C-alpha atoms as a PDB file:
ATOM      1  CA  MET A   1     118.161  17.671 -38.079  1.00  0.00           C
ATOM      2  CA  ARG A   2     116.374  20.070 -40.416  1.00  0.00           C
ATOM      3  CA  ASP A   3     115.960  23.770 -39.667  1.00  0.00           C
ATOM      4  CA  LEU A   4     112.479  24.135 -38.167  1.00  0.00           C
ATOM      5  CA  VAL A   5     112.445  27.897 -38.739  1.00  0.00           C
ATOM      6  CA  GLU A   6     112.912  27.297 -42.457  1.00  0.00           C
ATOM      7  CA  GLU A   7     110.347  24.460 -42.424  1.00  0.00           C
ATOM      8  CA  LYS A   8     107.757  26.753 -40.879  1.00  0.00           C
ATOM      9  CA  ALA A   9     108.519  29.603 -43.246  1.00  0.00           C
ATOM     10  CA  ARG A  10     108.109  27.352 -46.295  1.00  0.00           C
ATOM     11  CA  VAL A  11     104.830  25.791 -45.116  1.00  0.00           C
ATOM     12  CA  HIS A  12     103.466  29.199 -44.096  1.00  0.00           C
ATOM     13  CA  ALA A  13     104.243  30.513 -47.591  1.00  0.00           C
ATOM     14  CA  HIS A  14     102.697  27.425 -49.206  1.00  0.00           C
ATOM     15  CA  LEU A  15      99.430  27.688 -47.255  1.00  0.00           C
ATOM     16  CA  THR A  16      99.204  31.416 -47.893  1.00  0.00           C
ATOM     17  CA  ALA A  17      99.656  30.829 -51.624  1.00  0.00           C
ATOM     18  CA  LEU A  18      97.079  28.030 -51.781  1.00  0.00           C
ATOM     19  CA  ALA A  19      94.358  30.219 -50.244  1.00  0.00           C
ATOM     20  CA  LEU A  20      95.153  32.886 -52.824  1.00  0.00           C
ATOM     21  CA  GLY A  21      94.601  30.367 -55.625  1.00  0.00           C
ATOM     22  CA  GLY A  22      98.247  29.401 -56.100  1.00  0.00           C
ATOM     23  CA  SER A  23      99.338  26.353 -58.078  1.00  0.00           C
ATOM     24  CA  VAL A  24      98.993  23.049 -56.263  1.00  0.00           C
ATOM     25  CA  GLU A  25     101.713  21.623 -58.520  1.00  0.00           C
ATOM     26  CA  LYS A  26     104.185  24.217 -57.214  1.00  0.00           C
ATOM     27  CA  VAL A  27     103.343  23.555 -53.573  1.00  0.00           C
ATOM     28  CA  PHE A  28     102.989  19.758 -53.504  1.00  0.00           C
ATOM     29  CA  ALA A  29     105.510  17.197 -54.730  1.00  0.00           C
ATOM     30  CA  PRO A  30     104.248  15.164 -57.734  1.00  0.00           C
ATOM     31  CA  ASN A  31     104.094  12.018 -55.579  1.00  0.00           C
ATOM     32  CA  ALA A  32     102.664  13.762 -52.496  1.00  0.00           C
ATOM     33  CA  GLN A  33     100.112  11.936 -50.396  1.00  0.00           C
ATOM     34  CA  ALA A  34      97.307  13.640 -48.516  1.00  0.00           C
ATOM     35  CA  TRP A  35      94.552  12.351 -46.268  1.00  0.00           C
ATOM     36  CA  ILE A  36      91.668  14.853 -46.457  1.00  0.00           C
ATOM     37  CA  ALA A  37      88.434  14.610 -44.487  1.00  0.00           C
ATOM     38  CA  HIS A  38      85.209  13.387 -46.125  1.00  0.00           C
ATOM     39  CA  PRO A  39      84.163  13.685 -48.901  1.00  0.00           C
ATOM     40  CA  TRP A  40      87.719  13.687 -50.325  1.00  0.00           C
ATOM     41  CA  GLY A  41      89.607  10.970 -48.437  1.00  0.00           C
ATOM     42  CA  PRO A  42      93.081   9.672 -49.381  1.00  0.00           C
ATOM     43  CA  CYS A  43      94.712  11.453 -52.339  1.00  0.00           C
ATOM     44  CA  ASP A  44      97.765  10.016 -54.091  1.00  0.00           C
ATOM     45  CA  GLY A  45      99.766  12.584 -56.043  1.00  0.00           C
ATOM     46  CA  SER A  46      99.455  16.334 -56.525  1.00  0.00           C
ATOM     47  CA  SER A  47      96.989  15.840 -59.372  1.00  0.00           C
ATOM     48  CA  ALA A  48      94.643  14.026 -56.971  1.00  0.00           C
ATOM     49  CA  ILE A  49      95.068  16.720 -54.304  1.00  0.00           C
ATOM     50  CA  ALA A  50      94.366  19.589 -56.711  1.00  0.00           C
ATOM     51  CA  PRO A  51      90.539  19.096 -56.864  1.00  0.00           C
ATOM     52  CA  PHE A  52      90.285  19.828 -53.137  1.00  0.00           C
ATOM     53  CA  TYR A  53      91.958  23.211 -53.473  1.00  0.00           C
ATOM     54  CA  ASP A  54      90.205  23.907 -56.780  1.00  0.00           C
ATOM     55  CA  ALA A  55      86.847  23.425 -55.027  1.00  0.00           C
ATOM     56  CA  LEU A  56      87.832  25.732 -52.161  1.00  0.00           C
ATOM     57  CA  THR A  57      89.151  28.525 -54.386  1.00  0.00           C
ATOM     58  CA  ARG A  58      86.074  28.407 -56.631  1.00  0.00           C
ATOM     59  CA  ALA A  59      83.820  28.676 -53.584  1.00  0.00           C
ATOM     60  CA  LEU A  60      85.899  31.389 -51.854  1.00  0.00           C
ATOM     61  CA  PRO A  61      87.693  33.198 -54.704  1.00  0.00           C
ATOM     62  CA  ASP A  62      88.860  36.118 -52.541  1.00  0.00           C
ATOM     63  CA  ALA A  63      90.006  33.988 -49.596  1.00  0.00           C
ATOM     64  CA  THR A  64      92.934  34.662 -47.327  1.00  0.00           C
ATOM     65  CA  TRP A  65      94.408  32.138 -44.899  1.00  0.00           C
ATOM     66  CA  ARG A  66      94.350  33.263 -41.254  1.00  0.00           C
ATOM     67  CA  PRO A  67      96.332  30.936 -38.968  1.00  0.00           C
ATOM     68  CA  GLU A  68      95.595  30.950 -35.233  1.00  0.00           C
ATOM     69  CA  ILE A  69      98.027  28.224 -34.165  1.00  0.00           C
ATOM     70  CA  PHE A  70     101.065  27.356 -36.261  1.00  0.00           C
ATOM     71  CA  LEU A  71     103.907  25.236 -34.924  1.00  0.00           C
ATOM     72  CA  ALA A  72     106.527  22.724 -35.969  1.00  0.00           C
ATOM     73  CA  GLY A  73     108.573  20.067 -34.250  1.00  0.00           C
ATOM     74  CA  GLU A  74     110.307  16.762 -34.445  1.00  0.00           C
ATOM     75  CA  ASN A  75     107.656  14.051 -34.367  1.00  0.00           C
ATOM     76  CA  HIS A  76     107.737  12.270 -31.014  1.00  0.00           C
ATOM     77  CA  PRO A  77     107.607   8.462 -31.269  1.00  0.00           C
ATOM     78  CA  ASP A  78     104.486   6.403 -30.625  1.00  0.00           C
ATOM     79  CA  PRO A  79     105.176   2.744 -29.754  1.00  0.00           C
ATOM     80  CA  ARG A  80     101.617   1.759 -30.683  1.00  0.00           C
ATOM     81  CA  THR A  81     102.336   2.026 -34.413  1.00  0.00           C
ATOM     82  CA  ASP A  82     104.995   0.745 -36.783  1.00  0.00           C
ATOM     83  CA  ALA A  83     103.798   2.978 -39.641  1.00  0.00           C
ATOM     84  CA  ARG A  84     106.366   5.218 -41.271  1.00  0.00           C
ATOM     85  CA  ARG A  85     107.149   8.177 -39.027  1.00  0.00           C
ATOM     86  CA  TYR A  86     107.339  11.505 -40.847  1.00  0.00           C
ATOM     87  CA  SER A  87     109.496  14.115 -39.121  1.00  0.00           C
ATOM     88  CA  PRO A  88     109.648  17.037 -38.706  1.00  0.00           C
ATOM     89  CA  LEU A  89     106.018  18.085 -39.065  1.00  0.00           C
ATOM     90  CA  VAL A  90     104.286  21.462 -39.279  1.00  0.00           C
ATOM     91  CA  GLY A  91     100.790  21.805 -37.840  1.00  0.00           C
ATOM     92  CA  SER A  92      98.203  24.556 -38.203  1.00  0.00           C
ATOM     93  CA  PHE A  93      94.732  25.549 -37.076  1.00  0.00           C
ATOM     94  CA  GLY A  94      93.245  28.494 -38.932  1.00  0.00           C
ATOM     95  CA  HIS A  95      90.525  29.742 -41.265  1.00  0.00           C
ATOM     96  CA  TRP A  96      90.072  30.524 -44.919  1.00  0.00           C
ATOM     97  CA  GLN A  97      88.271  33.868 -44.663  1.00  0.00           C
ATOM     98  CA  GLY A  98      86.430  34.932 -47.791  1.00  0.00           C
ATOM     99  CA  THR A  99      83.184  35.552 -49.626  1.00  0.00           C
ATOM    100  CA  PHE A 100      81.227  32.335 -50.239  1.00  0.00           C
ATOM    101  CA  THR A 101      80.162  32.872 -53.872  1.00  0.00           C
ATOM    102  CA  GLU A 102      79.997  29.379 -55.432  1.00  0.00           C
ATOM    103  CA  PRO A 103      78.760  25.990 -54.107  1.00  0.00           C
ATOM    104  CA  LEU A 104      81.209  23.799 -52.218  1.00  0.00           C
ATOM    105  CA  VAL A 105      80.490  20.038 -52.363  1.00  0.00           C
ATOM    106  CA  GLY A 106      76.776  20.790 -52.587  1.00  0.00           C
ATOM    107  CA  ILE A 107      76.700  23.494 -49.887  1.00  0.00           C
ATOM    108  CA  ALA A 108      74.912  26.521 -51.360  1.00  0.00           C
ATOM    109  CA  PRO A 109      76.817  29.812 -51.179  1.00  0.00           C
ATOM    110  CA  THR A 110      75.725  32.593 -48.875  1.00  0.00           C
ATOM    111  CA  GLY A 111      77.110  35.506 -50.887  1.00  0.00           C
ATOM    112  CA  GLY A 112      78.655  36.776 -47.657  1.00  0.00           C
ATOM    113  CA  VAL A 113      81.789  36.334 -45.586  1.00  0.00           C
ATOM    114  CA  VAL A 114      82.459  32.916 -44.067  1.00  0.00           C
ATOM    115  CA  HIS A 115      85.331  31.423 -42.098  1.00  0.00           C
ATOM    116  CA  LEU A 116      86.164  27.910 -43.282  1.00  0.00           C
ATOM    117  CA  ARG A 117      87.958  26.210 -40.403  1.00  0.00           C
ATOM    118  CA  ILE A 118      90.888  24.045 -41.539  1.00  0.00           C
ATOM    119  CA  CYS A 119      93.264  22.099 -39.297  1.00  0.00           C
ATOM    120  CA  GLU A 120      96.225  20.458 -41.002  1.00  0.00           C
ATOM    121  CA  VAL A 121      99.621  18.797 -40.657  1.00  0.00           C
ATOM    122  CA  HIS A 122     102.324  18.787 -43.340  1.00  0.00           C
ATOM    123  CA  HIS A 123     105.740  17.247 -43.991  1.00  0.00           C
ATOM    124  CA  LEU A 124     108.157  18.668 -46.561  1.00  0.00           C
ATOM    125  CA  ASP A 125     110.488  16.809 -48.880  1.00  0.00           C
ATOM    126  CA  GLU A 126     114.136  17.781 -49.350  1.00  0.00           C
ATOM    127  CA  LYS A 127     113.133  20.275 -52.058  1.00  0.00           C
ATOM    128  CA  GLY A 128     110.794  22.156 -49.732  1.00  0.00           C
ATOM    129  CA  ARG A 129     107.594  20.841 -51.311  1.00  0.00           C
ATOM    130  CA  ILE A 130     104.759  19.338 -49.285  1.00  0.00           C
ATOM    131  CA  ALA A 131     105.094  15.565 -49.485  1.00  0.00           C
ATOM    132  CA  GLN A 132     102.686  14.310 -46.805  1.00  0.00           C
ATOM    133  CA  SER A 133      99.540  15.932 -45.425  1.00  0.00           C
ATOM    134  CA  TRP A 134      96.572  15.379 -43.139  1.00  0.00           C
ATOM    135  CA  ILE A 135      93.815  17.978 -43.596  1.00  0.00           C
ATOM    136  CA  LEU A 136      90.544  18.431 -41.662  1.00  0.00           C
ATOM    137  CA  PRO A 137      88.201  21.132 -43.023  1.00  0.00           C
ATOM    138  CA  ASP A 138      85.095  21.607 -40.854  1.00  0.00           C
ATOM    139  CA  LEU A 139      82.320  21.555 -43.446  1.00  0.00           C
ATOM    140  CA  ILE A 140      79.620  21.121 -40.814  1.00  0.00           C
ATOM    141  CA  ASP A 141      80.637  24.478 -39.368  1.00  0.00           C
ATOM    142  CA  LEU A 142      80.464  25.966 -42.876  1.00  0.00           C
ATOM    143  CA  MET A 143      76.944  24.534 -43.252  1.00  0.00           C
ATOM    144  CA  ASP A 144      76.018  26.115 -39.936  1.00  0.00           C
ATOM    145  CA  GLN A 145      77.271  29.491 -41.211  1.00  0.00           C
ATOM    146  CA  ALA A 146      75.152  28.938 -44.341  1.00  0.00           C
ATOM    147  CA  GLY A 147      71.981  28.410 -42.280  1.00  0.00           C
ATOM    148  CA  LEU A 148      71.856  24.622 -42.728  1.00  0.00           C
ATOM    149  CA  ALA A 149      71.116  22.082 -40.015  1.00  0.00           C
ATOM    150  CA  PRO A 150      72.572  18.688 -40.961  1.00  0.00           C
ATOM    151  CA  LEU A 151      72.588  17.549 -37.307  1.00  0.00           C
ATOM    152  CA  PRO A 152      70.508  18.221 -34.184  1.00  0.00           C
ATOM    153  CA  PRO A 153      71.403  21.379 -32.239  1.00  0.00           C
ATOM    154  CA  MET A 154      74.939  21.177 -30.883  1.00  0.00           C
ATOM    155  CA  PRO A 155      75.203  20.221 -27.195  1.00  0.00           C
ATOM    156  CA  GLY A 156      77.993  22.801 -26.880  1.00  0.00           C
ATOM    157  CA  ALA A 157      78.050  26.352 -28.185  1.00  0.00           C
ATOM    158  CA  ARG A 158      78.158  27.314 -31.862  1.00  0.00           C
ATOM    159  CA  GLY A 159      80.496  29.899 -33.279  1.00  0.00           C
ATOM    160  CA  LEU A 160      83.916  30.878 -34.557  1.00  0.00           C
ATOM    161  CA  TRP A 161      86.857  29.253 -32.817  1.00  0.00           C
ATOM    162  CA  PRO A 162      89.135  31.931 -31.355  1.00  0.00           C
ATOM    163  CA  GLY A 163      92.890  31.652 -31.290  1.00  0.00           C
ATOM    164  CA  PRO A 164      94.744  31.088 -28.010  1.00  0.00           C
ATOM    165  CA  ALA A 165      94.117  33.510 -25.168  1.00  0.00           C
ATOM    166  CA  GLY A 166      96.866  36.107 -25.087  1.00  0.00           C
ATOM    167  CA  GLY A 167      97.968  35.297 -28.642  1.00  0.00           C
ATOM    168  CA  GLY A 168     101.332  33.755 -29.404  1.00  0.00           C
ATOM    169  CA  GLY A 169      99.970  30.755 -31.287  1.00  0.00           C
ATOM    170  CA  VAL A 170     101.728  31.486 -34.591  1.00  0.00           C
ATOM    171  CA  ARG A 171     105.254  30.387 -33.730  1.00  0.00           C
ATOM    172  CA  MET A 172     107.537  31.339 -36.585  1.00  0.00           C
ATOM    173  CA  GLY A 173     110.832  31.653 -34.701  1.00  0.00           C
ATOM    174  CA  SER A 174     113.045  29.091 -33.029  1.00  0.00           C
ATOM    175  CA  ALA A 175     111.129  26.444 -31.120  1.00  0.00           C
ATOM    176  CA  ASP A 176     111.121  26.177 -27.329  1.00  0.00           C
ATOM    177  CA  ALA A 177     112.102  22.501 -27.310  1.00  0.00           C
ATOM    178  CA  GLU A 178     112.446  22.232 -23.525  1.00  0.00           C
ATOM    179  CA  GLY A 179     109.018  23.736 -22.911  1.00  0.00           C
ATOM    180  CA  GLY A 180     107.604  21.626 -25.722  1.00  0.00           C
ATOM    181  CA  LEU A 181     108.901  18.453 -24.108  1.00  0.00           C
ATOM    182  CA  ARG A 182     107.125  19.386 -20.863  1.00  0.00           C
ATOM    183  CA  SER A 183     103.918  20.075 -22.779  1.00  0.00           C
ATOM    184  CA  MET A 184     104.068  16.795 -24.704  1.00  0.00           C
ATOM    185  CA  THR A 185     104.811  14.826 -21.531  1.00  0.00           C
ATOM    186  CA  GLN A 186     101.738  16.394 -19.904  1.00  0.00           C
ATOM    187  CA  VAL A 187      99.567  15.663 -22.951  1.00  0.00           C
ATOM    188  CA  LEU A 188     100.544  11.995 -23.139  1.00  0.00           C
ATOM    189  CA  ASP A 189     100.075  11.568 -19.391  1.00  0.00           C
ATOM    190  CA  MET A 190      96.620  13.167 -19.735  1.00  0.00           C
ATOM    191  CA  HIS A 191      95.750  10.774 -22.576  1.00  0.00           C
ATOM    192  CA  ARG A 192      96.585   7.817 -20.347  1.00  0.00           C
ATOM    193  CA  ALA A 193      94.481   9.302 -17.531  1.00  0.00           C
ATOM    194  CA  LEU A 194      91.433   9.697 -19.806  1.00  0.00           C
ATOM    195  CA  GLY A 195      91.570   5.962 -20.466  1.00  0.00           C
ATOM    196  CA  THR A 196      91.201   5.131 -16.778  1.00  0.00           C
ATOM    197  CA  GLY A 197      88.263   5.282 -14.414  1.00  0.00           C
ATOM    198  CA  SER A 198      85.302   2.931 -14.231  1.00  0.00           C
ATOM    199  CA  ASP A 199      82.908   5.710 -15.248  1.00  0.00           C
ATOM    200  CA  ILE A 200      83.078   9.322 -16.336  1.00  0.00           C
ATOM    201  CA  SER A 201      82.782  10.705 -12.794  1.00  0.00           C
ATOM    202  CA  ASN A 202      86.148   9.320 -11.711  1.00  0.00           C
ATOM    203  CA  VAL A 203      88.223   9.965 -14.820  1.00  0.00           C
ATOM    204  CA  PRO A 204      91.191  12.053 -13.564  1.00  0.00           C
ATOM    205  CA  MET A 205      91.106  15.681 -14.739  1.00  0.00           C
ATOM    206  CA  HIS A 206      94.073  17.104 -12.804  1.00  0.00           C
ATOM    207  CA  HIS A 207      95.916  18.058 -16.012  1.00  0.00           C
ATOM    208  CA  TRP A 208      93.288  20.686 -16.855  1.00  0.00           C
ATOM    209  CA  HIS A 209      92.594  24.181 -15.552  1.00  0.00           C
ATOM    210  CA  GLU A 210      89.226  24.224 -13.773  1.00  0.00           C
ATOM    211  CA  ASN A 211      87.802  26.655 -16.350  1.00  0.00           C
ATOM    212  CA  PHE A 212      89.497  25.303 -19.456  1.00  0.00           C
ATOM    213  CA  MET A 213      87.925  25.966 -22.851  1.00  0.00           C
ATOM    214  CA  TYR A 214      87.194  23.019 -25.111  1.00  0.00           C
ATOM    215  CA  TYR A 215      86.602  23.910 -28.757  1.00  0.00           C
ATOM    216  CA  ALA A 216      85.138  20.793 -30.369  1.00  0.00           C
ATOM    217  CA  ALA A 217      84.216  20.421 -34.024  1.00  0.00           C
ATOM    218  CA  ALA A 218      80.815  21.631 -35.225  1.00  0.00           C
ATOM    219  CA  GLY A 219      78.174  19.107 -34.249  1.00  0.00           C
ATOM    220  CA  ILE A 220      79.638  18.971 -30.743  1.00  0.00           C
ATOM    221  CA  GLY A 221      80.423  22.632 -30.084  1.00  0.00           C
ATOM    222  CA  MET A 222      82.347  24.611 -27.488  1.00  0.00           C
ATOM    223  CA  CYS A 223      82.368  23.650 -23.799  1.00  0.00           C
ATOM    224  CA  ARG A 224      83.891  25.098 -20.618  1.00  0.00           C
ATOM    225  CA  GLY A 225      85.351  23.372 -17.586  1.00  0.00           C
ATOM    226  CA  VAL A 226      85.101  19.780 -16.447  1.00  0.00           C
ATOM    227  CA  SER A 227      81.304  19.834 -16.205  1.00  0.00           C
ATOM    228  CA  GLY A 228      80.830  21.232 -19.712  1.00  0.00           C
ATOM    229  CA  PHE A 229      83.406  18.852 -21.187  1.00  0.00           C
ATOM    230  CA  ARG A 230      81.819  15.806 -19.589  1.00  0.00           C
ATOM    231  CA  THR A 231      78.210  16.799 -20.267  1.00  0.00           C
ATOM    232  CA  HIS A 232      78.508  18.038 -23.838  1.00  0.00           C
ATOM    233  CA  HIS A 233      81.257  15.816 -25.229  1.00  0.00           C
ATOM    234  CA  GLN A 234      82.805  13.095 -23.121  1.00  0.00           C
ATOM    235  CA  ALA A 235      79.664  11.399 -21.753  1.00  0.00           C
ATOM    236  CA  PRO A 236      77.762  11.041 -25.067  1.00  0.00           C
ATOM    237  CA  PHE A 237      80.938  10.078 -26.944  1.00  0.00           C
ATOM    238  CA  ARG A 238      81.969   7.390 -24.433  1.00  0.00           C
ATOM    239  CA  ALA A 239      78.433   6.004 -24.343  1.00  0.00           C
ATOM    240  CA  ALA A 240      78.221   5.765 -28.137  1.00  0.00           C
ATOM    241  CA  PHE A 241      81.717   4.299 -28.637  1.00  0.00           C
ATOM    242  CA  PRO A 242      82.662   2.427 -25.457  1.00  0.00           C
ATOM    243  CA  ASP A 243      85.396   0.352 -27.142  1.00  0.00           C
ATOM    244  CA  ARG A 244      87.100   3.315 -28.850  1.00  0.00           C
ATOM    245  CA  HIS A 245      90.850   2.929 -29.230  1.00  0.00           C
ATOM    246  CA  SER A 246      93.786   4.308 -31.157  1.00  0.00           C
ATOM    247  CA  LYS A 247      96.410   2.391 -33.109  1.00  0.00           C
ATOM    248  CA  GLY A 248      98.840   5.281 -32.812  1.00  0.00           C
ATOM    249  CA  HIS A 249      99.281   8.968 -33.565  1.00  0.00           C
ATOM    250  CA  PHE A 250     100.662  10.195 -36.883  1.00  0.00           C
ATOM    251  CA  VAL A 251     101.617  13.509 -35.230  1.00  0.00           C
ATOM    252  CA  ARG A 252     103.073  14.369 -31.827  1.00  0.00           C
ATOM    253  CA  ILE A 253     104.742  17.791 -31.913  1.00  0.00           C
ATOM    254  CA  ALA A 254     105.118  20.564 -29.358  1.00  0.00           C
ATOM    255  CA  ASP A 255     106.656  24.013 -28.993  1.00  0.00           C
ATOM    256  CA  GLY A 256     106.688  25.749 -25.622  1.00  0.00           C
ATOM    257  CA  ARG A 257     103.133  25.923 -24.291  1.00  0.00           C
ATOM    258  CA  PHE A 258     101.591  24.469 -27.443  1.00  0.00           C
ATOM    259  CA  ALA A 259     101.230  20.828 -28.471  1.00  0.00           C
ATOM    260  CA  LEU A 260      99.485  18.894 -31.218  1.00  0.00           C
ATOM    261  CA  THR A 261      98.567  15.228 -31.483  1.00  0.00           C
ATOM    262  CA  GLY A 262      96.454  13.430 -34.075  1.00  0.00           C
ATOM    263  CA  GLY A 263      95.448  10.034 -35.344  1.00  0.00           C
ATOM    264  CA  ALA A 264      92.581   7.748 -36.198  1.00  0.00           C
ATOM    265  CA  LEU A 265      90.180   6.353 -33.614  1.00  0.00           C
ATOM    266  CA  TYR A 266      88.586   2.943 -34.106  1.00  0.00           C
ATOM    267  CA  ALA A 267      85.308   1.974 -32.436  1.00  0.00           C
ATOM    268  CA  THR A 268      81.992   0.147 -32.603  1.00  0.00           C
ATOM    269  CA  HIS A 269      78.898   2.355 -32.716  1.00  0.00           C
ATOM    270  CA  THR A 270      76.806   0.843 -29.912  1.00  0.00           C
ATOM    271  CA  GLY A 271      74.859   3.882 -28.643  1.00  0.00           C
ATOM    272  CA  PRO A 272      73.074   6.931 -30.064  1.00  0.00           C
ATOM    273  CA  TYR A 273      75.295   9.805 -31.158  1.00  0.00           C
ATOM    274  CA  LEU A 274      74.495  13.263 -32.576  1.00  0.00           C
ATOM    275  CA  GLY A 275      70.904  12.186 -33.173  1.00  0.00           C
ATOM    276  CA  MET A 276      71.843   8.937 -34.933  1.00  0.00           C
ATOM    277  CA  PRO A 277      70.647   5.657 -33.397  1.00  0.00           C
ATOM    278  CA  SER A 278      73.079   2.842 -32.726  1.00  0.00           C
ATOM    279  CA  THR A 279      74.106   0.887 -35.834  1.00  0.00           C
ATOM    280  CA  GLY A 280      76.601  -1.650 -34.494  1.00  0.00           C
ATOM    281  CA  HIS A 281      78.965  -0.571 -37.303  1.00  0.00           C
ATOM    282  CA  GLU A 282      82.709  -0.650 -36.851  1.00  0.00           C
ATOM    283  CA  VAL A 283      84.047   2.786 -37.764  1.00  0.00           C
ATOM    284  CA  SER A 284      87.266   4.771 -37.906  1.00  0.00           C
ATOM    285  CA  PHE A 285      87.633   8.546 -37.961  1.00  0.00           C
ATOM    286  CA  MET A 286      90.430  11.100 -37.845  1.00  0.00           C
ATOM    287  CA  VAL A 287      90.875  13.538 -34.976  1.00  0.00           C
ATOM    288  CA  MET A 288      93.495  16.090 -33.969  1.00  0.00           C
ATOM    289  CA  ASP A 289      94.022  17.954 -30.703  1.00  0.00           C
ATOM    290  CA  PHE A 290      95.702  21.346 -30.354  1.00  0.00           C
ATOM    291  CA  TYR A 291      96.635  22.197 -26.745  1.00  0.00           C
ATOM    292  CA  HIS A 292      97.573  25.449 -25.007  1.00  0.00           C
ATOM    293  CA  PHE A 293      99.041  25.366 -21.488  1.00  0.00           C
ATOM    294  CA  ASP A 294      98.831  28.105 -18.855  1.00  0.00           C
ATOM    295  CA  ASP A 295     101.543  29.453 -16.522  1.00  0.00           C
ATOM    296  CA  ASP A 296     101.011  26.546 -14.130  1.00  0.00           C
ATOM    297  CA  GLY A 297     101.445  23.880 -16.809  1.00  0.00           C
ATOM    298  CA  LEU A 298      97.731  23.076 -16.976  1.00  0.00           C
ATOM    299  CA  ILE A 299      95.706  22.724 -20.180  1.00  0.00           C
ATOM    300  CA  ALA A 300      93.834  26.010 -20.536  1.00  0.00           C
ATOM    301  CA  GLU A 301      92.521  25.477 -24.070  1.00  0.00           C
ATOM    302  CA  ASN A 302      91.981  22.483 -26.354  1.00  0.00           C
ATOM    303  CA  TRP A 303      90.824  22.619 -29.991  1.00  0.00           C
ATOM    304  CA  LEU A 304      89.400  19.363 -31.396  1.00  0.00           C
ATOM    305  CA  PRO A 305      89.011  19.057 -35.183  1.00  0.00           C
ATOM    306  CA  PHE A 306      87.153  15.830 -35.937  1.00  0.00           C
ATOM    307  CA  ASP A 307      86.013  14.246 -39.218  1.00  0.00           C
ATOM    308  CA  ILE A 308      82.367  14.036 -38.196  1.00  0.00           C
ATOM    309  CA  LEU A 309      81.245  13.945 -41.840  1.00  0.00           C
ATOM    310  CA  GLY A 310      83.394  10.859 -42.388  1.00  0.00           C
ATOM    311  CA  LEU A 311      82.019   9.213 -39.264  1.00  0.00           C
ATOM    312  CA  THR A 312      78.373   9.874 -40.117  1.00  0.00           C
ATOM    313  CA  HIS A 313      78.958   8.653 -43.687  1.00  0.00           C
ATOM    314  CA  GLN A 314      80.092   5.299 -42.257  1.00  0.00           C
ATOM    315  CA  LEU A 315      76.879   5.243 -40.202  1.00  0.00           C
ATOM    316  CA  GLY A 316      74.783   5.580 -43.356  1.00  0.00           C
ATOM    317  CA  HIS A 317      74.068   9.325 -43.269  1.00  0.00           C
ATOM    318  CA  ASP A 318      75.062  11.621 -46.139  1.00  0.00           C
ATOM    319  CA  LEU A 319      74.952  14.945 -44.310  1.00  0.00           C
ATOM    320  CA  LEU A 320      76.035  16.887 -47.367  1.00  0.00           C
ATOM    321  CA  GLY A 321      73.042  15.534 -49.259  1.00  0.00           C
ATOM    322  CA  ASP A 322      70.660  15.609 -46.290  1.00  0.00           C
ATOM    323  CA  ALA A 323      71.380  19.202 -45.206  1.00  0.00           C
ATOM    324  CA  ALA A 324      68.253  21.310 -44.953  1.00  0.00           C
ATOM    325  CA  PRO A 325      67.644  24.993 -44.104  1.00  0.00           C
ATOM    326  CA  SER A 326      67.407  25.594 -40.374  1.00  0.00           C
ATOM    327  CA  VAL A 327      64.156  26.895 -38.938  1.00  0.00           C
END
């Protein structure tokens, strides 16, 4: 078993260096593979990954990386998939904070400070280089900061995602494996519960604190409590994608009161969603979930990065090209 403290220290150093404009070739193995949210997609090799970071550092030349949650763990199994299981994994939710001075994939710069939300998972090779990655930048949130309105007003609240209440999300020391196992068990039991119930009103919610915070990707927005979660996210999402299903998580890690899962969802678009009428298209899109548990073992906070740009692209909408100034 590899030393998770060393794994975290190496990845933390790598991500810090990348935001400062460090060499991708020094951070990533030559044969590294990365899945990056739209418009980048799968990247095979460090030379294919480099344009993503080149674009970010040109747009935010004075950026620093500010992690809010940072954890590592052995990757729990998922019997739904026979894909190669990478373990251990390091996961992070944070922001690139910097001055937006050059365009980024067609988004015009503001000339002011922005916080580019990035959620990511990495696996190191034996030489300490990143060999496998999944990366979800929230470009819709960046567009919102730049005064653009690529989607209808969010059903939830706009704004900067905070880190976990009380702090403690950046976990650089030894992992709390026992607490992590409890957290992961709760998360997987909650996932099974969300798949039950004949309609949204009787989906079990006993794993959640009554006033939990739900930080969903821009386009959906932030919600509070069961009512907010159901009204602003769960009801419209279930109605638009009633046959949604997963073929397995690529990440299932936990440390103490924090847990992270992620994978692709597959569905048929049969109802309106985020202002887009039903298309009948079969789609797939990447999501992650970062969880924070309270003293009673209930989910107090949940952060949901979601490749909405990739989803809308499959539905025939180029939001990067269609973005217009808000009024």
